[in-house]
Amino acid sequence: MVSQDFKSMLSGKSVIRQLSEYATARGAEIGYENVYDYSLGNPSVPVPKAFTDAMIRLLTEEDPMKLHGYSQSQGIPAVRQAHAGYLNKRFGMNYTAEHLFMTTGAAGAIAHAVRAVTKPGDEVITFAPFFPEYMQYVNRTGAELVIVPADTKTFQIDMDALRDAFTEKTAAVLINTPNNPSGAMYTGETLTALAALMSEMQEKYAHEIFLISDEPYREIVFDGKIAPYPAHFYDNTLTCYSYSKSLSIPGERIGYVAVNPKAVDADIISVMCGQISRGLGHNCPPSIIQLAVSEVLGETADLSVYETNMNILYDELVSLGFEVTRPGGTFYIMPRALGGDSLEFCNKAKEYDLILVPADSFGAPGFFRMAYCIDTDKVERSLDALRRFVRDKY
């Protein structure tokens, strides 16, 4: 008999994927250039030349077995060492290769990190709005995801609500900064307060509480700011990263877990992740991609288009009367839906070939998300449809 558990999931398909598929089908009818598809967070800027050059060099000069053979379970040692050195230089940390574990993207990083610091029956706290797949990443380990309601004015952390969420079962707190879907970036003040409260709760409950920091949008930050590095603020931190957004290579599925050297059992968590992989079948990301990213550490695609798109949309949304917090980064913006019902709002928008995502599944009912990782020309052309939609319906 097939798994009834996974079979039941077929009726709960991601709303983002459903809308993306609708946009593709609609594009086949009227031309995709006429569909203003803000559904899917798929990077839209070219891969940096340095990455392409690294791939070409590797393919033409290196031993094929080095490129295409299995890596060690934790990742290629030289790649992990390169990452440690880069992170130390950039963030003032003290990583060694033994604190790094290479993964298949941020999803793989979170899957390993959660299992490394929880057991069935534990609780992992996160904050609305949150990436809906967190439910799968956490709950399918046997732990339970506990959701703290959103502070919808700033999308920083409501520390009083967080304090109320802690219990004896709390094993970890999962954050995403800059945040999908709100675009908010946690400030140094927020992270300082979070670290203080987590340290207090560790003492209260007499066991470690880990911070799992999901940071795939770390490089996409606006107004000349720099994203604070959460591991700086709290010792028991596992940093989860992906190159999908910074290098525009989501299909290559490469990322890592970096264990704060000051964390409890820091010297063995990466090794533990290697053992966790045995049960996940989620091990040994492609060797050639590990090697290529290690040659371009610090490089990014030209991410400036996302800030350009954000400013265009933010200004237009404000002028049309939307309540919206200006994003500090990512390529998402999350306004409050006119009329209050986000599902109804997004369904009406489809009549104007505007594909918007209701944020109910992100834990933010009444809001909608726009993923503006599309060409700027298309963003500008979508404004007329947005104006007509608001004028006709609201």
Foldseek 3Di string as FASTA:
>chain_A
DPDPVVVVCVVVDDPLVVLVVVLVVVCVVVNSLQFAAQRDQAFQFAFDVLLVVLLVCCVVPHDVCLQFPFDAFQANQVLLQLVQVLCCVVQVARFGSLQKGKFQFLLRLLLLVLLLFAAAPAEEEEEPLADLCVQVSHVVRNYGYDYQYAPVQQRQDPVVSVLVPDDLRAREYEYEAVGPAALAGHDPVSLLSVQVSLVVSCVVNVHHYAYEYEYAFQPFFDPPDHGRDSCVRHQRYWYWYGQCHFRVCSVQRIIMIGGRPSHVVSSCSSVVSSVVCVVVVGGRRRSNSSSSCSSVPPHGGPNVVLVVLLVVVVVLCVVLPWAWDRRRGDNKTKTFAPVQAQVVRQVLLVVLSHHWAQSVSSNDGRIIMGRRSHDSVSSVVCSVSVVVSSVVPD
